[in-house]
Amino acid sequence: MRLPYWLPNFRSWFNAIALTLLMIGITYLMNYFLKAIQDLLNLAPWLSGAIVFLLFLFPIVTIAFLHNWFHTFLDVFFPQSRFPEDEAQGGFFPSLFSWWEGVYGWAVNV
């Protein structure tokens, strides 16, 4: 079934839903970690800046790695799902495009 040109394709809808669910999970984990380390912050207030910075980077890193692993999985098991202009994902460490997806996903959430 072809969608009208003004309506996003199915891949875009899937990405949006997956990112929404992922951000709900990340937000829950961040709240859990913040409650768990709240006692540590009371004992060592000088650590609070570093911990807030790490909590800010946590979603970016998570989205980048999951984006890389998901596209590596798709390239291996479903090579026909890749767009012709996309380059093949590979390796454990995310590419620059995966890092951009992490930054963009976090910016959309914020």
N, C-alpha and C. Protein backbone atom coordinates (compact mmCIF):
# COMPACT_ATOMS: atom_id res chain seq x y z
N MET A 1 0.84 -1.17 0.00
CA MET A 1 0.00 0.00 0.00
C MET A 1 0.89 1.24 0.00
N ARG A 2 0.63 2.14 -0.90
CA ARG A 2 1.40 3.39 -0.98
C ARG A 2 0.66 4.48 -0.23
N LEU A 3 1.42 5.20 0.54
CA LEU A 3 0.86 6.33 1.27
C LEU A 3 0.91 7.57 0.40
N PRO A 4 0.06 8.55 0.69
CA PRO A 4 0.18 9.82 -0.03
C PRO A 4 1.55 10.46 0.23
N TYR A 5 2.02 11.27 -0.68
CA TYR A 5 3.37 11.83 -0.58
C TYR A 5 3.54 12.72 0.65
N TRP A 6 2.48 13.29 1.17
CA TRP A 6 2.59 14.20 2.32
C TRP A 6 2.56 13.47 3.66
N LEU A 7 2.29 12.17 3.64
CA LEU A 7 2.23 11.38 4.87
C LEU A 7 3.54 10.61 5.02
N PRO A 8 4.17 10.65 6.19
CA PRO A 8 5.44 9.93 6.37
C PRO A 8 5.27 8.43 6.13
N ASN A 9 6.36 7.80 5.66
CA ASN A 9 6.30 6.37 5.37
C ASN A 9 6.29 5.54 6.66
N PHE A 10 6.10 4.24 6.51
CA PHE A 10 5.97 3.36 7.66
C PHE A 10 7.25 3.32 8.50
N ARG A 11 8.40 3.42 7.85
CA ARG A 11 9.66 3.40 8.58
C ARG A 11 9.75 4.60 9.53
N SER A 12 9.28 5.75 9.09
CA SER A 12 9.30 6.96 9.93
C SER A 12 8.37 6.80 11.13
N TRP A 13 7.19 6.21 10.91
CA TRP A 13 6.28 5.98 12.02
C TRP A 13 6.87 4.99 13.02
N PHE A 14 7.51 3.94 12.52
CA PHE A 14 8.14 2.96 13.40
C PHE A 14 9.25 3.60 14.22
N ASN A 15 10.09 4.41 13.57
CA ASN A 15 11.17 5.09 14.29
C ASN A 15 10.62 6.02 15.37
N ALA A 16 9.55 6.74 15.06
CA ALA A 16 8.97 7.67 16.04
C ALA A 16 8.40 6.91 17.24
N ILE A 17 7.70 5.82 17.00
CA ILE A 17 7.13 5.04 18.10
C ILE A 17 8.23 4.38 18.92
N ALA A 18 9.24 3.83 18.25
CA ALA A 18 10.35 3.19 18.97
C ALA A 18 11.11 4.21 19.81
N LEU A 19 11.34 5.41 19.27
CA LEU A 19 12.05 6.45 20.02
C LEU A 19 11.23 6.92 21.22
N THR A 20 9.92 7.01 21.06
CA THR A 20 9.05 7.40 22.17
C THR A 20 9.12 6.37 23.30
N LEU A 21 9.02 5.10 22.95
CA LEU A 21 9.10 4.04 23.97
C LEU A 21 10.47 4.01 24.62
N LEU A 22 11.52 4.19 23.83
CA LEU A 22 12.87 4.20 24.37
C LEU A 22 13.06 5.36 25.34
N MET A 23 12.55 6.54 25.00
CA MET A 23 12.71 7.70 25.86
C MET A 23 11.91 7.56 27.15
N ILE A 24 10.76 6.88 27.10
CA ILE A 24 10.01 6.60 28.33
C ILE A 24 10.86 5.72 29.24
N GLY A 25 11.48 4.70 28.68
CA GLY A 25 12.35 3.83 29.47
C GLY A 25 13.57 4.55 30.02
N ILE A 26 14.20 5.38 29.20
CA ILE A 26 15.38 6.12 29.64
C ILE A 26 15.01 7.11 30.74
N THR A 27 13.88 7.78 30.61
CA THR A 27 13.44 8.72 31.64
C THR A 27 13.20 8.00 32.96
N TYR A 28 12.59 6.81 32.89
CA TYR A 28 12.38 6.02 34.10
C TYR A 28 13.71 5.64 34.73
N LEU A 29 14.67 5.19 33.91
CA LEU A 29 15.98 4.81 34.44
C LEU A 29 16.72 6.00 35.05
N MET A 30 16.62 7.16 34.39
CA MET A 30 17.29 8.35 34.93
C MET A 30 16.70 8.74 36.28
N ASN A 31 15.39 8.68 36.42
CA ASN A 31 14.77 8.99 37.70
C ASN A 31 15.19 7.98 38.77
N TYR A 32 15.26 6.71 38.38
CA TYR A 32 15.68 5.66 39.32
C TYR A 32 17.13 5.90 39.77
N PHE A 33 18.03 6.19 38.81
CA PHE A 33 19.43 6.44 39.17
C PHE A 33 19.56 7.69 40.03
N LEU A 34 18.80 8.72 39.73
CA LEU A 34 18.88 9.95 40.51
C LEU A 34 18.43 9.72 41.94
N LYS A 35 17.36 8.93 42.13
CA LYS A 35 16.92 8.62 43.49
C LYS A 35 17.94 7.74 44.21
N ALA A 36 18.59 6.84 43.46
CA ALA A 36 19.56 5.94 44.07
C ALA A 36 20.82 6.69 44.52
N ILE A 37 21.22 7.71 43.80
CA ILE A 37 22.46 8.41 44.15
C ILE A 37 22.21 9.69 44.93
N GLN A 38 20.97 9.93 45.32
CA GLN A 38 20.66 11.15 46.06
C GLN A 38 21.41 11.21 47.40
N ASP A 39 21.55 10.08 48.06
CA ASP A 39 22.32 10.05 49.30
C ASP A 39 23.78 10.38 49.06
N LEU A 40 24.32 9.88 47.94
CA LEU A 40 25.71 10.17 47.61
C LEU A 40 25.89 11.67 47.34
N LEU A 41 24.90 12.28 46.72
CA LEU A 41 25.00 13.72 46.45
C LEU A 41 24.96 14.53 47.74
N ASN A 42 24.23 14.06 48.74
CA ASN A 42 24.21 14.75 50.03
C ASN A 42 25.54 14.64 50.74
N LEU A 43 26.24 13.50 50.56
CA LEU A 43 27.53 13.30 51.21
C LEU A 43 28.65 14.05 50.48
N ALA A 44 28.59 14.08 49.15
CA ALA A 44 29.64 14.74 48.37
C ALA A 44 29.01 15.67 47.35
N PRO A 45 28.70 16.91 47.76
CA PRO A 45 28.03 17.82 46.83
C PRO A 45 28.88 18.22 45.62
N TRP A 46 30.18 18.07 45.70
CA TRP A 46 31.05 18.41 44.59
C TRP A 46 30.87 17.45 43.42
N LEU A 47 30.28 16.28 43.69
CA LEU A 47 30.02 15.30 42.63
C LEU A 47 28.75 15.62 41.83
N SER A 48 27.93 16.52 42.33
CA SER A 48 26.62 16.73 41.70
C SER A 48 26.73 17.22 40.26
N GLY A 49 27.68 18.09 39.97
CA GLY A 49 27.85 18.58 38.60
C GLY A 49 28.23 17.47 37.64
N ALA A 50 29.16 16.62 38.06
CA ALA A 50 29.59 15.51 37.21
C ALA A 50 28.46 14.51 36.99
N ILE A 51 27.69 14.24 38.03
CA ILE A 51 26.60 13.28 37.92
C ILE A 51 25.48 13.82 37.02
N VAL A 52 25.17 15.09 37.15
CA VAL A 52 24.15 15.69 36.28
C VAL A 52 24.62 15.66 34.83
N PHE A 53 25.90 15.93 34.60
CA PHE A 53 26.45 15.87 33.25
C PHE A 53 26.36 14.46 32.67
N LEU A 54 26.70 13.45 33.48
CA LEU A 54 26.61 12.06 33.02
C LEU A 54 25.16 11.64 32.77
N LEU A 55 24.25 12.10 33.62
CA LEU A 55 22.84 11.79 33.40
C LEU A 55 22.32 12.49 32.14
N PHE A 56 22.86 13.65 31.81
CA PHE A 56 22.47 14.33 30.59
C PHE A 56 22.98 13.58 29.36
N LEU A 57 24.19 13.00 29.44
CA LEU A 57 24.76 12.26 28.31
C LEU A 57 24.21 10.85 28.17
N PHE A 58 23.64 10.29 29.23
CA PHE A 58 23.16 8.91 29.21
C PHE A 58 22.19 8.62 28.07
N PRO A 59 21.16 9.44 27.82
CA PRO A 59 20.26 9.14 26.71
C PRO A 59 20.93 9.22 25.34
N ILE A 60 21.86 10.14 25.17
CA ILE A 60 22.54 10.28 23.88
C ILE A 60 23.36 9.03 23.59
N VAL A 61 24.11 8.57 24.56
CA VAL A 61 24.92 7.38 24.39
C VAL A 61 24.04 6.15 24.17
N THR A 62 22.96 6.04 24.93
CA THR A 62 22.06 4.90 24.79
C THR A 62 21.43 4.85 23.41
N ILE A 63 20.93 5.97 22.94
CA ILE A 63 20.29 6.01 21.62
C ILE A 63 21.32 5.72 20.53
N ALA A 64 22.52 6.26 20.64
CA ALA A 64 23.55 6.03 19.62
C ALA A 64 23.91 4.55 19.52
N PHE A 65 24.14 3.91 20.66
CA PHE A 65 24.50 2.49 20.63
C PHE A 65 23.34 1.62 20.15
N LEU A 66 22.12 1.90 20.62
CA LEU A 66 20.98 1.11 20.17
C LEU A 66 20.70 1.32 18.69
N HIS A 67 20.88 2.54 18.19
CA HIS A 67 20.72 2.81 16.76
C HIS A 67 21.73 1.99 15.96
N ASN A 68 22.98 1.98 16.39
CA ASN A 68 24.02 1.23 15.69
C ASN A 68 23.73 -0.26 15.71
N TRP A 69 23.39 -0.80 16.88
CA TRP A 69 23.15 -2.24 16.98
C TRP A 69 21.90 -2.66 16.21
N PHE A 70 20.87 -1.83 16.23
CA PHE A 70 19.64 -2.16 15.51
C PHE A 70 19.89 -2.18 14.01
N HIS A 71 20.62 -1.20 13.50
CA HIS A 71 20.89 -1.18 12.07
C HIS A 71 21.89 -2.27 11.67
N THR A 72 22.81 -2.63 12.55
CA THR A 72 23.68 -3.77 12.27
C THR A 72 22.86 -5.05 12.19
N PHE A 73 21.92 -5.22 13.11
CA PHE A 73 21.02 -6.37 13.09
C PHE A 73 20.21 -6.40 11.79
N LEU A 74 19.67 -5.25 11.40
CA LEU A 74 18.90 -5.20 10.16
C LEU A 74 19.76 -5.49 8.94
N ASP A 75 21.00 -4.99 8.91
CA ASP A 75 21.88 -5.24 7.78
C ASP A 75 22.23 -6.71 7.64
N VAL A 76 22.36 -7.40 8.77
CA VAL A 76 22.73 -8.81 8.73
C VAL A 76 21.53 -9.69 8.38
N PHE A 77 20.40 -9.48 9.03
CA PHE A 77 19.27 -10.38 8.88
C PHE A 77 18.24 -9.92 7.85
N PHE A 78 18.15 -8.63 7.58
CA PHE A 78 17.18 -8.10 6.63
C PHE A 78 17.86 -7.07 5.72
N PRO A 79 18.77 -7.50 4.85
CA PRO A 79 19.51 -6.52 4.03
C PRO A 79 18.62 -5.76 3.06
N GLN A 80 17.48 -6.29 2.70
CA GLN A 80 16.59 -5.59 1.76
C GLN A 80 15.88 -4.42 2.42
N SER A 81 15.91 -4.30 3.76
CA SER A 81 15.24 -3.20 4.44
C SER A 81 16.03 -1.90 4.39
N ARG A 82 17.28 -1.97 3.98
CA ARG A 82 18.14 -0.79 3.96
C ARG A 82 17.86 0.04 2.72
N PHE A 83 17.87 1.37 2.89
CA PHE A 83 17.75 2.26 1.75
C PHE A 83 19.04 2.19 0.93
N PRO A 84 18.96 2.32 -0.39
CA PRO A 84 20.18 2.22 -1.21
C PRO A 84 21.22 3.28 -0.88
N GLU A 85 20.79 4.47 -0.47
CA GLU A 85 21.76 5.53 -0.19
C GLU A 85 22.42 5.40 1.19
N ASP A 86 21.88 4.52 2.05
CA ASP A 86 22.48 4.31 3.38
C ASP A 86 23.70 3.42 3.26
N GLU A 87 24.70 3.74 4.07
CA GLU A 87 25.87 2.87 4.10
C GLU A 87 25.65 1.79 5.15
N ALA A 88 26.34 0.68 4.98
CA ALA A 88 26.17 -0.45 5.89
C ALA A 88 26.75 -0.10 7.26
N GLN A 89 26.00 -0.44 8.30
CA GLN A 89 26.47 -0.25 9.67
C GLN A 89 27.31 -1.46 10.05
N GLY A 90 28.29 -1.26 10.86
CA GLY A 90 29.10 -2.40 11.28
C GLY A 90 29.90 -2.06 12.51
N GLY A 91 30.27 -3.07 13.24
CA GLY A 91 31.11 -2.87 14.40
C GLY A 91 30.31 -2.59 15.66
N PHE A 92 31.03 -2.60 16.76
CA PHE A 92 30.42 -2.39 18.07
C PHE A 92 30.21 -0.91 18.36
N PHE A 93 31.17 -0.09 17.95
CA PHE A 93 31.13 1.34 18.28
C PHE A 93 30.31 2.10 17.24
N PRO A 94 29.42 3.00 17.68
CA PRO A 94 28.55 3.72 16.74
C PRO A 94 29.32 4.64 15.79
N SER A 95 28.74 4.80 14.62
CA SER A 95 29.30 5.72 13.63
C SER A 95 28.85 7.15 13.97
N LEU A 96 29.35 8.09 13.19
CA LEU A 96 28.99 9.48 13.41
C LEU A 96 27.48 9.69 13.23
N PHE A 97 26.90 8.97 12.27
CA PHE A 97 25.46 9.09 12.03
C PHE A 97 24.67 8.61 13.25
N SER A 98 25.12 7.54 13.90
CA SER A 98 24.44 7.05 15.10
C SER A 98 24.53 8.06 16.24
N TRP A 99 25.69 8.71 16.37
CA TRP A 99 25.83 9.74 17.40
C TRP A 99 24.90 10.91 17.11
N TRP A 100 24.77 11.26 15.82
CA TRP A 100 23.85 12.33 15.46
C TRP A 100 22.42 11.93 15.80
N GLU A 101 22.05 10.68 15.54
CA GLU A 101 20.71 10.21 15.89
C GLU A 101 20.49 10.29 17.40
N GLY A 102 21.53 10.00 18.19
CA GLY A 102 21.41 10.11 19.64
C GLY A 102 21.19 11.54 20.08
N VAL A 103 21.94 12.47 19.53
CA VAL A 103 21.78 13.89 19.87
C VAL A 103 20.41 14.38 19.43
N TYR A 104 20.02 14.00 18.22
CA TYR A 104 18.73 14.45 17.69
C TYR A 104 17.57 13.86 18.49
N GLY A 105 17.68 12.58 18.84
CA GLY A 105 16.63 11.94 19.64
C GLY A 105 16.47 12.59 21.01
N TRP A 106 17.60 12.94 21.63
CA TRP A 106 17.55 13.59 22.93
C TRP A 106 16.99 15.01 22.80
N ALA A 107 17.37 15.71 21.74
CA ALA A 107 16.85 17.06 21.53
C ALA A 107 15.33 17.04 21.28
N VAL A 108 14.87 16.06 20.55
CA VAL A 108 13.43 15.92 20.31
C VAL A 108 12.71 15.65 21.63
N ASN A 109 13.29 14.84 22.47
CA ASN A 109 12.66 14.52 23.75
C ASN A 109 12.62 15.75 24.65
N VAL A 110 13.69 16.52 24.67
CA VAL A 110 13.73 17.71 25.51
C VAL A 110 12.77 18.74 24.99
